[in-house]
N, C-alpha and C. Protein backbone atom coordinates (compact mmCIF):
# COMPACT_ATOMS: atom_id res chain seq x y z
N MET A 1 128.26 -60.95 92.96
CA MET A 1 126.96 -61.29 92.46
C MET A 1 126.64 -60.41 91.28
N HIS A 2 125.81 -60.99 90.48
CA HIS A 2 125.38 -60.29 89.28
C HIS A 2 124.21 -59.38 89.62
N GLN A 3 124.29 -58.13 89.19
CA GLN A 3 123.21 -57.19 89.43
C GLN A 3 122.29 -57.17 88.21
N PRO A 4 120.99 -57.12 88.43
CA PRO A 4 120.06 -57.09 87.30
C PRO A 4 120.25 -55.81 86.50
N CYS A 5 120.08 -55.96 85.24
CA CYS A 5 120.20 -54.83 84.32
C CYS A 5 118.94 -53.98 84.43
N SER A 6 119.13 -52.73 84.56
CA SER A 6 117.97 -51.85 84.65
C SER A 6 118.04 -50.82 83.53
N PHE A 7 116.90 -50.59 82.95
CA PHE A 7 116.81 -49.64 81.86
C PHE A 7 115.70 -48.67 82.20
N HIS A 8 116.00 -47.41 82.15
CA HIS A 8 115.02 -46.39 82.51
C HIS A 8 114.75 -45.50 81.32
N LEU A 9 113.44 -45.32 81.04
CA LEU A 9 113.05 -44.39 80.00
C LEU A 9 113.16 -42.98 80.54
N PRO A 10 113.48 -42.05 79.67
CA PRO A 10 113.52 -40.67 80.15
C PRO A 10 112.12 -40.25 80.58
N LYS A 11 112.05 -39.52 81.63
CA LYS A 11 110.77 -39.07 82.16
C LYS A 11 110.32 -37.83 81.41
N LEU A 12 109.00 -37.82 81.09
CA LEU A 12 108.42 -36.66 80.43
C LEU A 12 107.79 -35.76 81.48
N ASN A 13 107.77 -34.48 81.17
CA ASN A 13 107.07 -33.60 82.08
C ASN A 13 105.56 -33.80 81.88
N ASN A 14 104.76 -33.16 82.68
CA ASN A 14 103.31 -33.36 82.64
C ASN A 14 102.72 -32.98 81.29
N LYS A 15 103.19 -31.89 80.69
CA LYS A 15 102.66 -31.46 79.40
C LYS A 15 103.00 -32.49 78.31
N GLY A 16 104.18 -33.00 78.31
CA GLY A 16 104.59 -33.98 77.32
C GLY A 16 103.85 -35.28 77.45
N SER A 17 103.67 -35.76 78.67
CA SER A 17 102.95 -37.02 78.86
C SER A 17 101.47 -36.85 78.53
N HIS A 18 100.91 -35.71 78.85
CA HIS A 18 99.51 -35.46 78.52
C HIS A 18 99.31 -35.41 77.00
N LEU A 19 100.20 -34.73 76.30
CA LEU A 19 100.11 -34.65 74.84
C LEU A 19 100.26 -36.03 74.20
N LEU A 20 101.18 -36.83 74.67
CA LEU A 20 101.36 -38.18 74.16
C LEU A 20 100.11 -39.04 74.42
N PHE A 21 99.53 -38.89 75.59
CA PHE A 21 98.31 -39.62 75.93
C PHE A 21 97.16 -39.23 75.01
N VAL A 22 96.99 -37.96 74.72
CA VAL A 22 95.93 -37.48 73.83
C VAL A 22 96.14 -37.99 72.41
N ILE A 23 97.37 -37.97 71.91
CA ILE A 23 97.66 -38.44 70.55
C ILE A 23 97.37 -39.93 70.43
N MET A 24 97.78 -40.70 71.42
CA MET A 24 97.52 -42.15 71.39
C MET A 24 96.01 -42.45 71.42
N ASN A 25 95.25 -41.71 72.21
CA ASN A 25 93.81 -41.90 72.26
C ASN A 25 93.16 -41.54 70.92
N LEU A 26 93.60 -40.47 70.30
CA LEU A 26 93.05 -40.08 68.99
C LEU A 26 93.34 -41.14 67.93
N ILE A 27 94.54 -41.69 67.95
CA ILE A 27 94.88 -42.75 66.99
C ILE A 27 94.01 -43.98 67.23
N PHE A 28 93.84 -44.35 68.49
CA PHE A 28 93.01 -45.51 68.82
C PHE A 28 91.57 -45.30 68.37
N VAL A 29 90.98 -44.15 68.63
CA VAL A 29 89.60 -43.87 68.24
C VAL A 29 89.48 -43.85 66.71
N ALA A 30 90.44 -43.26 66.02
CA ALA A 30 90.39 -43.21 64.56
C ALA A 30 90.44 -44.61 63.96
N VAL A 31 91.28 -45.47 64.46
CA VAL A 31 91.37 -46.84 63.97
C VAL A 31 90.08 -47.60 64.26
N ALA A 32 89.52 -47.42 65.45
CA ALA A 32 88.27 -48.10 65.81
C ALA A 32 87.12 -47.65 64.90
N VAL A 33 87.01 -46.35 64.66
CA VAL A 33 85.96 -45.83 63.78
C VAL A 33 86.15 -46.36 62.36
N TYR A 34 87.36 -46.39 61.86
CA TYR A 34 87.65 -46.91 60.52
C TYR A 34 87.24 -48.37 60.41
N LEU A 35 87.57 -49.18 61.39
CA LEU A 35 87.21 -50.60 61.35
C LEU A 35 85.70 -50.81 61.41
N ILE A 36 85.00 -50.03 62.20
CA ILE A 36 83.55 -50.14 62.29
C ILE A 36 82.91 -49.79 60.94
N PHE A 37 83.35 -48.69 60.32
CA PHE A 37 82.80 -48.31 59.03
C PHE A 37 83.15 -49.33 57.95
N LEU A 38 84.34 -49.87 57.98
CA LEU A 38 84.73 -50.89 57.01
C LEU A 38 83.84 -52.12 57.13
N PHE A 39 83.59 -52.56 58.35
CA PHE A 39 82.71 -53.70 58.57
C PHE A 39 81.28 -53.41 58.11
N ALA A 40 80.78 -52.21 58.40
CA ALA A 40 79.41 -51.84 58.01
C ALA A 40 79.27 -51.79 56.50
N ILE A 41 80.25 -51.26 55.81
CA ILE A 41 80.19 -51.17 54.35
C ILE A 41 80.23 -52.56 53.73
N ARG A 42 81.09 -53.42 54.23
CA ARG A 42 81.17 -54.78 53.68
C ARG A 42 79.91 -55.58 53.97
N SER A 43 79.33 -55.40 55.13
CA SER A 43 78.12 -56.14 55.48
C SER A 43 76.92 -55.66 54.66
N GLY A 44 76.83 -54.37 54.44
CA GLY A 44 75.69 -53.81 53.72
C GLY A 44 75.69 -54.10 52.24
N SER A 45 76.82 -54.41 51.66
CA SER A 45 76.87 -54.64 50.22
C SER A 45 77.12 -56.09 49.86
N SER A 46 77.00 -56.97 50.80
CA SER A 46 77.32 -58.36 50.51
C SER A 46 76.20 -59.04 49.74
N LYS A 47 76.56 -60.04 48.99
CA LYS A 47 75.59 -60.82 48.22
C LYS A 47 74.64 -61.59 49.13
N GLU A 48 75.12 -61.99 50.29
CA GLU A 48 74.28 -62.73 51.21
C GLU A 48 73.08 -61.89 51.67
N VAL A 49 73.34 -60.63 51.96
CA VAL A 49 72.26 -59.72 52.36
C VAL A 49 71.30 -59.52 51.19
N ALA A 50 71.82 -59.38 49.98
CA ALA A 50 70.97 -59.19 48.80
C ALA A 50 70.07 -60.40 48.57
N VAL A 51 70.60 -61.61 48.74
CA VAL A 51 69.81 -62.82 48.55
C VAL A 51 68.71 -62.90 49.61
N ASN A 52 69.01 -62.58 50.85
CA ASN A 52 67.99 -62.59 51.91
C ASN A 52 66.91 -61.55 51.64
N ASN A 53 67.30 -60.36 51.20
CA ASN A 53 66.32 -59.32 50.89
C ASN A 53 65.41 -59.75 49.74
N LEU A 54 65.98 -60.37 48.71
CA LEU A 54 65.17 -60.87 47.61
C LEU A 54 64.14 -61.89 48.09
N ALA A 55 64.56 -62.78 48.95
CA ALA A 55 63.65 -63.81 49.47
C ALA A 55 62.50 -63.17 50.24
N TYR A 56 62.80 -62.19 51.08
CA TYR A 56 61.74 -61.49 51.81
C TYR A 56 60.80 -60.75 50.87
N GLU A 57 61.34 -60.10 49.84
CA GLU A 57 60.51 -59.36 48.90
C GLU A 57 59.59 -60.30 48.13
N PHE A 58 60.10 -61.43 47.67
CA PHE A 58 59.26 -62.37 46.95
C PHE A 58 58.21 -63.00 47.86
N THR A 59 58.56 -63.25 49.11
CA THR A 59 57.57 -63.77 50.06
C THR A 59 56.43 -62.78 50.24
N SER A 60 56.76 -61.51 50.35
CA SER A 60 55.72 -60.47 50.48
C SER A 60 54.86 -60.41 49.23
N MET A 61 55.48 -60.48 48.05
CA MET A 61 54.72 -60.45 46.80
C MET A 61 53.77 -61.64 46.70
N ILE A 62 54.23 -62.82 47.10
CA ILE A 62 53.40 -64.03 47.05
C ILE A 62 52.22 -63.90 48.01
N ASN A 63 52.46 -63.35 49.20
CA ASN A 63 51.37 -63.18 50.16
C ASN A 63 50.31 -62.21 49.63
N VAL A 64 50.74 -61.16 48.95
CA VAL A 64 49.78 -60.21 48.37
C VAL A 64 48.97 -60.88 47.26
N LEU A 65 49.64 -61.65 46.41
CA LEU A 65 48.93 -62.34 45.33
C LEU A 65 47.92 -63.35 45.89
N ALA A 66 48.29 -64.03 46.94
CA ALA A 66 47.40 -65.03 47.53
C ALA A 66 46.15 -64.38 48.12
N GLY A 67 46.26 -63.16 48.55
CA GLY A 67 45.13 -62.49 49.18
C GLY A 67 44.18 -61.82 48.21
N ASP A 68 44.47 -61.82 46.92
CA ASP A 68 43.61 -61.17 45.92
C ASP A 68 42.97 -62.22 45.03
N ASP A 69 41.70 -62.00 44.66
CA ASP A 69 40.97 -62.96 43.83
C ASP A 69 41.14 -62.72 42.34
N ASN A 70 41.69 -61.59 41.94
CA ASN A 70 41.82 -61.25 40.53
C ASN A 70 43.04 -61.90 39.90
N LYS A 71 43.06 -61.89 38.56
CA LYS A 71 44.27 -62.31 37.84
C LYS A 71 45.26 -61.14 37.94
N ILE A 72 46.47 -61.43 38.44
CA ILE A 72 47.46 -60.39 38.67
C ILE A 72 48.81 -60.85 38.12
N ILE A 73 49.52 -59.93 37.49
CA ILE A 73 50.89 -60.19 37.04
C ILE A 73 51.77 -59.13 37.69
N VAL A 74 52.80 -59.59 38.39
CA VAL A 74 53.73 -58.69 39.07
C VAL A 74 55.14 -58.99 38.59
N GLY A 75 55.80 -57.98 38.04
CA GLY A 75 57.18 -58.14 37.59
C GLY A 75 58.14 -57.57 38.62
N TYR A 76 59.23 -58.26 38.84
CA TYR A 76 60.24 -57.74 39.76
C TYR A 76 61.03 -56.65 39.03
N PRO A 77 61.23 -55.49 39.64
CA PRO A 77 61.79 -54.34 38.91
C PRO A 77 63.30 -54.36 38.66
N GLN A 78 64.01 -55.35 39.15
CA GLN A 78 65.46 -55.37 38.96
C GLN A 78 65.88 -56.59 38.15
N ASP A 79 67.08 -56.52 37.61
CA ASP A 79 67.66 -57.61 36.83
C ASP A 79 68.07 -58.73 37.79
N LEU A 80 67.53 -59.91 37.58
CA LEU A 80 67.83 -61.06 38.44
C LEU A 80 68.62 -62.12 37.70
N SER A 81 69.39 -61.73 36.69
CA SER A 81 70.11 -62.70 35.87
C SER A 81 71.26 -63.38 36.61
N THR A 82 71.65 -62.89 37.77
CA THR A 82 72.71 -63.53 38.54
C THR A 82 72.16 -64.41 39.67
N TYR A 83 70.84 -64.67 39.63
CA TYR A 83 70.20 -65.46 40.68
C TYR A 83 69.38 -66.60 40.08
N GLY A 84 69.14 -67.60 40.88
CA GLY A 84 68.20 -68.66 40.57
C GLY A 84 67.09 -68.63 41.59
N LEU A 85 65.86 -68.87 41.16
CA LEU A 85 64.70 -68.84 42.04
C LEU A 85 63.88 -70.10 41.84
N ILE A 86 63.44 -70.69 42.95
CA ILE A 86 62.58 -71.88 42.91
C ILE A 86 61.40 -71.61 43.84
N LEU A 87 60.20 -71.69 43.27
CA LEU A 87 58.97 -71.48 44.04
C LEU A 87 58.28 -72.82 44.25
N THR A 88 58.04 -73.16 45.50
CA THR A 88 57.32 -74.38 45.85
C THR A 88 56.02 -73.96 46.54
N PRO A 89 55.12 -74.89 46.81
CA PRO A 89 53.85 -74.50 47.45
C PRO A 89 53.97 -73.85 48.82
N ASN A 90 55.13 -73.99 49.48
CA ASN A 90 55.25 -73.38 50.81
C ASN A 90 56.56 -72.64 51.04
N SER A 91 57.37 -72.42 49.98
CA SER A 91 58.62 -71.69 50.20
C SER A 91 59.15 -71.14 48.89
N ILE A 92 60.05 -70.18 49.02
CA ILE A 92 60.80 -69.65 47.88
C ILE A 92 62.27 -69.82 48.20
N ILE A 93 63.02 -70.35 47.26
CA ILE A 93 64.46 -70.54 47.43
C ILE A 93 65.16 -69.65 46.40
N ILE A 94 66.08 -68.82 46.88
CA ILE A 94 66.84 -67.93 46.01
C ILE A 94 68.31 -68.19 46.26
N TYR A 95 69.06 -68.38 45.18
CA TYR A 95 70.49 -68.66 45.32
C TYR A 95 71.27 -67.83 44.31
N ASN A 96 72.51 -67.58 44.67
CA ASN A 96 73.41 -66.76 43.88
C ASN A 96 74.12 -67.63 42.85
N LEU A 97 74.08 -67.22 41.57
CA LEU A 97 74.76 -67.98 40.52
C LEU A 97 76.22 -67.57 40.36
N ASP A 98 76.59 -66.40 40.87
CA ASP A 98 77.96 -65.90 40.75
C ASP A 98 78.80 -66.51 41.87
N LYS A 99 79.41 -67.65 41.60
CA LYS A 99 80.15 -68.39 42.63
C LYS A 99 81.43 -67.69 43.06
N GLU A 100 81.92 -66.74 42.27
CA GLU A 100 83.15 -66.02 42.65
C GLU A 100 82.93 -65.16 43.88
N ASN A 101 81.71 -64.63 44.06
CA ASN A 101 81.40 -63.78 45.20
C ASN A 101 80.79 -64.55 46.36
N GLY A 102 80.81 -65.86 46.30
CA GLY A 102 80.27 -66.67 47.38
C GLY A 102 79.05 -67.45 46.93
N ASP A 103 78.80 -68.55 47.59
CA ASP A 103 77.68 -69.42 47.27
C ASP A 103 76.59 -69.19 48.32
N PHE A 104 75.70 -68.24 48.05
CA PHE A 104 74.69 -67.87 49.03
C PHE A 104 73.33 -68.38 48.59
N LYS A 105 72.56 -68.85 49.56
CA LYS A 105 71.22 -69.37 49.31
C LYS A 105 70.33 -68.94 50.46
N SER A 106 69.10 -68.59 50.13
CA SER A 106 68.14 -68.21 51.16
C SER A 106 66.81 -68.88 50.86
N GLU A 107 66.21 -69.48 51.87
CA GLU A 107 64.89 -70.10 51.73
C GLU A 107 63.96 -69.47 52.75
N LYS A 108 62.84 -68.96 52.28
CA LYS A 108 61.84 -68.36 53.16
C LYS A 108 60.54 -69.13 53.03
N GLN A 109 59.97 -69.47 54.17
CA GLN A 109 58.72 -70.21 54.22
C GLN A 109 57.54 -69.23 54.22
N PHE A 110 56.43 -69.65 53.68
CA PHE A 110 55.19 -68.89 53.75
C PHE A 110 54.04 -69.88 53.81
N THR A 111 52.86 -69.39 54.16
CA THR A 111 51.69 -70.24 54.25
C THR A 111 50.63 -69.71 53.30
N LEU A 112 50.23 -70.54 52.37
CA LEU A 112 49.17 -70.18 51.43
C LEU A 112 47.87 -70.85 51.87
N PRO A 113 46.74 -70.26 51.48
CA PRO A 113 45.47 -70.96 51.73
C PRO A 113 45.47 -72.32 51.03
N THR A 114 44.72 -73.25 51.55
CA THR A 114 44.74 -74.61 51.00
C THR A 114 44.25 -74.68 49.57
N THR A 115 43.49 -73.69 49.12
CA THR A 115 42.98 -73.71 47.75
C THR A 115 43.97 -73.15 46.73
N ILE A 116 45.07 -72.56 47.20
CA ILE A 116 46.04 -71.93 46.30
C ILE A 116 47.33 -72.73 46.32
N THR A 117 47.93 -72.91 45.14
CA THR A 117 49.22 -73.57 45.04
C THR A 117 50.19 -72.65 44.32
N ALA A 118 51.48 -72.88 44.52
CA ALA A 118 52.52 -72.05 43.91
C ALA A 118 53.60 -72.95 43.32
N THR A 119 54.11 -72.54 42.16
CA THR A 119 55.14 -73.33 41.51
C THR A 119 55.91 -72.47 40.52
N GLY A 120 57.09 -72.96 40.14
CA GLY A 120 57.88 -72.29 39.12
C GLY A 120 59.34 -72.24 39.49
N ALA A 121 60.17 -72.07 38.48
CA ALA A 121 61.62 -71.96 38.69
C ALA A 121 62.23 -71.19 37.52
N VAL A 122 63.19 -70.35 37.83
CA VAL A 122 63.95 -69.62 36.81
C VAL A 122 65.40 -69.58 37.24
N GLU A 123 66.27 -69.48 36.25
CA GLU A 123 67.70 -69.36 36.53
C GLU A 123 68.31 -68.48 35.46
N ALA A 124 69.07 -67.47 35.89
CA ALA A 124 69.75 -66.55 34.98
C ALA A 124 68.77 -65.84 34.05
N VAL A 125 67.64 -65.39 34.60
CA VAL A 125 66.62 -64.67 33.84
C VAL A 125 66.59 -63.24 34.35
N ALA A 126 66.65 -62.28 33.44
CA ALA A 126 66.68 -60.88 33.84
C ALA A 126 65.32 -60.40 34.35
N ASN A 127 64.25 -60.72 33.63
CA ASN A 127 62.91 -60.22 33.96
C ASN A 127 62.08 -61.36 34.55
N VAL A 128 61.86 -61.31 35.85
CA VAL A 128 61.11 -62.35 36.55
C VAL A 128 59.74 -61.81 36.94
N CYS A 129 58.72 -62.61 36.70
CA CYS A 129 57.35 -62.22 37.04
C CYS A 129 56.68 -63.29 37.89
N LEU A 130 55.77 -62.84 38.71
CA LEU A 130 54.85 -63.70 39.44
C LEU A 130 53.46 -63.39 38.89
N THR A 131 52.69 -64.43 38.62
CA THR A 131 51.33 -64.21 38.17
C THR A 131 50.38 -65.13 38.92
N LYS A 132 49.19 -64.63 39.13
CA LYS A 132 48.17 -65.45 39.77
C LYS A 132 47.05 -65.65 38.76
N LYS A 133 46.81 -66.91 38.42
CA LYS A 133 45.71 -67.29 37.54
C LYS A 133 44.84 -68.26 38.34
N ASP A 134 43.62 -67.86 38.57
CA ASP A 134 42.68 -68.66 39.37
C ASP A 134 43.31 -68.96 40.73
N ASN A 135 43.63 -70.21 41.00
CA ASN A 135 44.21 -70.59 42.31
C ASN A 135 45.65 -71.04 42.18
N LEU A 136 46.36 -70.53 41.18
CA LEU A 136 47.74 -70.92 40.94
C LEU A 136 48.62 -69.68 40.85
N ILE A 137 49.71 -69.67 41.61
CA ILE A 137 50.71 -68.62 41.53
C ILE A 137 51.91 -69.19 40.79
N LEU A 138 52.30 -68.56 39.68
CA LEU A 138 53.39 -69.04 38.85
C LEU A 138 54.57 -68.09 38.90
N LEU A 139 55.76 -68.65 38.95
CA LEU A 139 57.00 -67.90 38.86
C LEU A 139 57.63 -68.23 37.51
N GLY A 140 58.06 -67.22 36.78
CA GLY A 140 58.70 -67.48 35.50
C GLY A 140 59.22 -66.21 34.86
N GLN A 141 59.76 -66.36 33.67
CA GLN A 141 60.21 -65.21 32.90
C GLN A 141 58.98 -64.44 32.46
N CYS A 142 59.05 -63.14 32.42
CA CYS A 142 57.88 -62.32 32.17
C CYS A 142 57.14 -62.68 30.89
N GLN A 143 57.84 -62.96 29.79
CA GLN A 143 57.16 -63.31 28.56
C GLN A 143 56.43 -64.65 28.69
N GLU A 144 57.01 -65.61 29.41
CA GLU A 144 56.39 -66.93 29.57
C GLU A 144 55.16 -66.85 30.47
N VAL A 145 55.25 -66.09 31.53
CA VAL A 145 54.18 -66.05 32.53
C VAL A 145 52.95 -65.37 31.98
N THR A 146 53.12 -64.35 31.16
CA THR A 146 51.98 -63.57 30.70
C THR A 146 51.16 -64.28 29.64
N LYS A 147 51.62 -65.38 29.08
CA LYS A 147 50.87 -66.10 28.04
C LYS A 147 49.72 -66.88 28.64
């Protein structure tokens, strides 16, 4: 009869097996920490997160403008030339124009008083402003809005 082939690894003493176990655990923890940090860095710098943050910021700006009776002009402090923005009476839509980094779009809803309306659209404009004139909130390029 044929006997099964048996292969035996050399046995390590307790110190050797303990050292090997510690080294393997350290390698595993280091790889896990590296992967977690890599994921966090990629998630925090993605265009999708930037588009969502822009939408939330513009929604907040629109709510502040709606709550004030004065004529107000608010300029966004960053260059928005890689984005498109569309303001409707109940939402803001922001989308990424740089298709190489992904096609991201974010739409945020808001509620304005019935006496106030909102409108405007810009695309590839560096300086974007929101202005409130009477009961109208306008989105546009800063030079156009201030006229």
